[in-house]
Amino acid sequence: MEDNRKKARAINFASSMVSEIGGLAASYAQAQAIQGQAGHSMTLAKINSRFASMESRDILKNADKRAQDNDKNINRMIGAQKASFAGGNILVGDGTSAQIENQTREIGFEEKRNIKNNAWKQAFGVRTQAQAGMLAAESAQREADFRARNTLIAGGLSAAGGIAGGISSFQGGGFDPGDYGKGSK
């Protein structure tokens, strides 16, 4: 009869150990999944950052092209004004015609400056959004590290408690945390 009890305790102990090891493995798998999700978020943030960098370069490049086109249009307009003045027997480059030419140049300069400023603001906004995404991904990575570590600690402590209880049961008594350090029954 005593042998049957020992065998039953041994089977219970082995079952308990397998269960605790399974729980520890599940904690490890959960920690890996948490890390994997954060890693995926970080990868996406890096990809988005690269695209944002390319987009901002394109924005500035297109603005340079539009500014050059603006300069050409202003020069054409000034040329048309000069031809119109000359056709009307107005002295070109002097007096009123010179003032109109200067005003046209100033308007062109203002438009060119607006094109460049607006493009810079747009490119800055795109870059800022990408940086915010990177910061969010880095924060998620830190949180995932914390959660994964806590999952492993909780799983380890649970397994240790289960193993201690299994050892106590195997030795013939129930596990009573109040008995810790007093020896077995």
Protein backbone atom coordinates (compact mmCIF):
# COMPACT_ATOMS: atom_id res chain seq x y z
CA MET A 1 0.00 0.00 0.00
CA GLU A 2 2.84 2.36 0.89
CA ASP A 3 4.47 1.54 -2.47
CA ASN A 4 1.28 2.50 -4.26
CA ARG A 5 1.23 5.82 -2.42
CA LYS A 6 4.87 6.47 -3.35
CA LYS A 7 4.13 5.61 -6.97
CA ALA A 8 1.07 7.88 -6.95
CA ARG A 9 3.10 10.71 -5.42
CA ALA A 10 5.86 10.12 -7.97
CA ILE A 11 3.35 10.24 -10.82
CA ASN A 12 1.78 13.40 -9.37
CA PHE A 13 5.23 14.93 -8.96
CA ALA A 14 6.21 14.08 -12.55
CA SER A 15 2.90 15.40 -13.83
CA SER A 16 3.37 18.59 -11.82
CA MET A 17 6.90 19.06 -13.21
CA VAL A 18 5.74 18.56 -16.79
CA SER A 19 2.92 21.04 -16.20
CA GLU A 20 5.26 23.65 -14.69
CA ILE A 21 7.82 23.21 -17.47
CA GLY A 22 4.97 23.60 -19.98
CA GLY A 23 3.86 26.77 -18.21
CA LEU A 24 7.42 28.10 -18.28
CA ALA A 25 7.66 27.29 -21.99
CA ALA A 26 4.35 29.07 -22.58
CA SER A 27 5.67 32.14 -20.74
CA TYR A 28 8.78 32.08 -22.90
CA ALA A 29 6.68 31.78 -26.08
CA GLN A 30 4.47 34.64 -24.95
CA ALA A 31 7.52 36.80 -24.24
CA GLN A 32 8.87 36.00 -27.71
CA ALA A 33 5.52 36.95 -29.27
CA ILE A 34 5.52 40.27 -27.42
CA GLN A 35 9.05 40.96 -28.64
CA GLY A 36 8.09 39.93 -32.18
CA GLN A 37 5.18 42.36 -32.32
CA ALA A 38 7.38 45.22 -31.14
CA GLY A 39 10.08 44.25 -33.63
CA HIS A 40 7.51 44.29 -36.42
CA SER A 41 6.35 47.77 -35.38
CA MET A 42 9.95 48.99 -35.35
CA THR A 43 10.59 47.55 -38.81
CA LEU A 44 7.50 49.29 -40.19
CA ALA A 45 8.51 52.58 -38.56
CA LYS A 46 11.97 52.36 -40.15
CA ILE A 47 10.44 51.65 -43.57
CA ASN A 48 8.02 54.57 -43.15
CA SER A 49 10.93 56.80 -42.14
CA ARG A 50 12.85 55.90 -45.30
CA PHE A 51 9.78 56.59 -47.44
CA ALA A 52 9.24 59.89 -45.65
CA SER A 53 12.83 60.86 -46.34
CA MET A 54 12.40 60.08 -50.04
CA GLU A 55 9.07 61.92 -50.13
CA SER A 56 10.56 65.01 -48.50
CA ARG A 57 13.44 65.03 -51.03
CA ASP A 58 10.88 64.78 -53.85
CA ILE A 59 8.86 67.64 -52.38
CA LEU A 60 11.94 69.89 -52.27
CA LYS A 61 13.07 68.80 -55.73
CA ASN A 62 9.65 69.54 -57.21
CA ALA A 63 9.65 72.92 -55.47
CA ASP A 64 12.99 73.76 -57.10
CA LYS A 65 11.50 72.87 -60.49
CA ARG A 66 8.38 74.99 -59.83
CA ALA A 67 10.61 77.88 -58.70
CA GLN A 68 12.63 77.64 -61.93
CA ASP A 69 9.40 77.56 -63.94
CA ASN A 70 8.24 80.63 -62.01
CA ASP A 71 11.47 82.46 -62.92
CA LYS A 72 10.94 81.59 -66.60
CA ASN A 73 7.33 82.79 -66.48
CA ILE A 74 8.34 86.07 -64.83
CA ASN A 75 11.06 86.63 -67.45
CA ARG A 76 8.51 85.93 -70.22
CA MET A 77 6.06 88.34 -68.60
CA ILE A 78 8.72 91.05 -68.34
CA GLY A 79 9.66 90.43 -71.98
CA ALA A 80 5.99 90.75 -73.01
CA GLN A 81 5.70 93.97 -70.99
CA LYS A 82 8.80 95.40 -72.70
CA ALA A 83 7.43 94.47 -76.13
CA SER A 84 4.10 96.07 -75.25
CA PHE A 85 5.81 99.24 -74.04
CA ALA A 86 7.99 99.41 -77.13
CA GLY A 87 4.92 98.85 -79.34
CA GLY A 88 3.21 101.75 -77.60
CA ASN A 89 6.20 104.05 -78.10
CA ILE A 90 6.95 104.02 -74.35
CA LEU A 91 10.61 104.19 -73.38
CA VAL A 92 11.60 100.71 -72.09
CA GLY A 93 13.62 100.47 -68.83
CA ASP A 94 12.89 104.02 -67.72
CA GLY A 95 10.24 105.69 -65.58
CA THR A 96 6.90 103.91 -65.35
CA SER A 97 7.99 100.96 -67.49
CA ALA A 98 10.98 100.37 -65.18
CA GLN A 99 8.71 100.54 -62.12
CA ILE A 100 6.31 98.01 -63.61
CA GLU A 101 9.23 95.74 -64.54
CA ASN A 102 10.59 95.97 -60.96
CA GLN A 103 7.15 95.24 -59.48
CA THR A 104 6.81 92.21 -61.74
CA ARG A 105 10.23 90.97 -60.59
CA GLU A 106 9.27 91.50 -56.93
CA ILE A 107 6.02 89.59 -57.41
CA GLY A 108 8.01 86.78 -59.06
CA PHE A 109 10.53 86.78 -56.22
CA GLU A 110 7.71 86.62 -53.63
CA GLU A 111 6.05 83.76 -55.49
CA LYS A 112 9.36 81.88 -55.71
CA ARG A 113 9.94 82.37 -51.98
CA ASN A 114 6.41 81.13 -51.20
CA ILE A 115 6.94 78.04 -53.36
CA LYS A 116 10.16 77.18 -51.52
CA ASN A 117 8.83 78.00 -48.04
CA ASN A 118 5.68 75.95 -48.53
CA ALA A 119 7.69 73.01 -49.84
CA TRP A 120 10.07 73.21 -46.89
CA LYS A 121 7.12 73.25 -44.47
CA GLN A 122 5.52 70.28 -46.21
CA ALA A 123 8.79 68.33 -46.22
CA PHE A 124 9.35 69.18 -42.55
CA GLY A 125 5.85 67.92 -41.73
CA VAL A 126 6.51 64.63 -43.52
CA ARG A 127 9.82 64.18 -41.70
CA THR A 128 8.26 65.09 -38.36
CA GLN A 129 5.51 62.51 -38.84
CA ALA A 130 8.12 59.86 -39.60
CA GLN A 131 10.10 60.80 -36.49
CA ALA A 132 6.93 60.61 -34.38
CA GLY A 133 6.35 57.12 -35.77
CA MET A 134 9.90 56.12 -34.87
CA LEU A 135 9.49 57.48 -31.34
CA ALA A 136 6.22 55.57 -30.93
CA ALA A 137 7.87 52.37 -32.18
CA GLU A 138 10.83 52.86 -29.82
CA SER A 139 8.42 53.40 -26.94
CA ALA A 140 6.49 50.28 -27.93
CA GLN A 141 9.78 48.37 -28.04
CA ARG A 142 10.66 49.48 -24.50
CA GLU A 143 7.18 48.55 -23.29
CA ALA A 144 7.45 45.16 -25.01
CA ASP A 145 10.82 44.54 -23.36
CA PHE A 146 9.25 45.34 -19.98
CA ARG A 147 6.19 43.15 -20.61
CA ALA A 148 8.29 40.26 -21.94
CA ARG A 149 10.60 40.44 -18.92
CA ASN A 150 7.62 40.50 -16.55
CA THR A 151 6.04 37.55 -18.36
CA LEU A 152 9.23 35.54 -17.94
CA ILE A 153 9.56 36.50 -14.28
CA ALA A 154 5.91 35.64 -13.55
CA GLY A 155 6.24 32.35 -15.42
CA GLY A 156 9.45 31.50 -13.59
CA LEU A 157 7.99 32.31 -10.19
CA SER A 158 4.86 30.30 -10.95
CA ALA A 159 6.96 27.35 -12.07
CA ALA A 160 9.17 27.61 -8.99
CA GLY A 161 6.11 27.65 -6.73
CA GLY A 162 4.62 24.67 -8.53
CA ILE A 163 7.86 22.74 -8.36
CA ALA A 164 8.22 23.50 -4.64
CA GLY A 165 4.65 22.33 -4.10
CA GLY A 166 5.34 19.20 -6.13
CA ILE A 167 8.47 18.43 -4.11
CA SER A 168 6.58 18.92 -0.87
CA SER A 169 3.77 16.66 -2.06
CA PHE A 170 6.27 14.06 -3.21
CA GLN A 171 7.89 14.08 0.19
CA GLY A 172 4.56 13.24 1.76
CA GLY A 173 3.04 16.48 2.92
CA GLY A 174 1.04 19.30 1.47
CA PHE A 175 2.80 22.53 0.59
CA ASP A 176 2.24 25.20 3.18
CA PRO A 177 4.13 28.45 2.54
CA GLY A 178 4.17 29.00 6.30
CA ASP A 179 6.38 25.94 6.60
CA TYR A 180 9.05 27.40 4.34
CA GLY A 181 12.39 27.14 6.07
CA LYS A 182 11.12 24.85 8.85
CA GLY A 183 11.99 21.64 7.06
CA SER A 184 9.65 18.99 5.67
CA LYS A 185 6.90 17.33 7.70
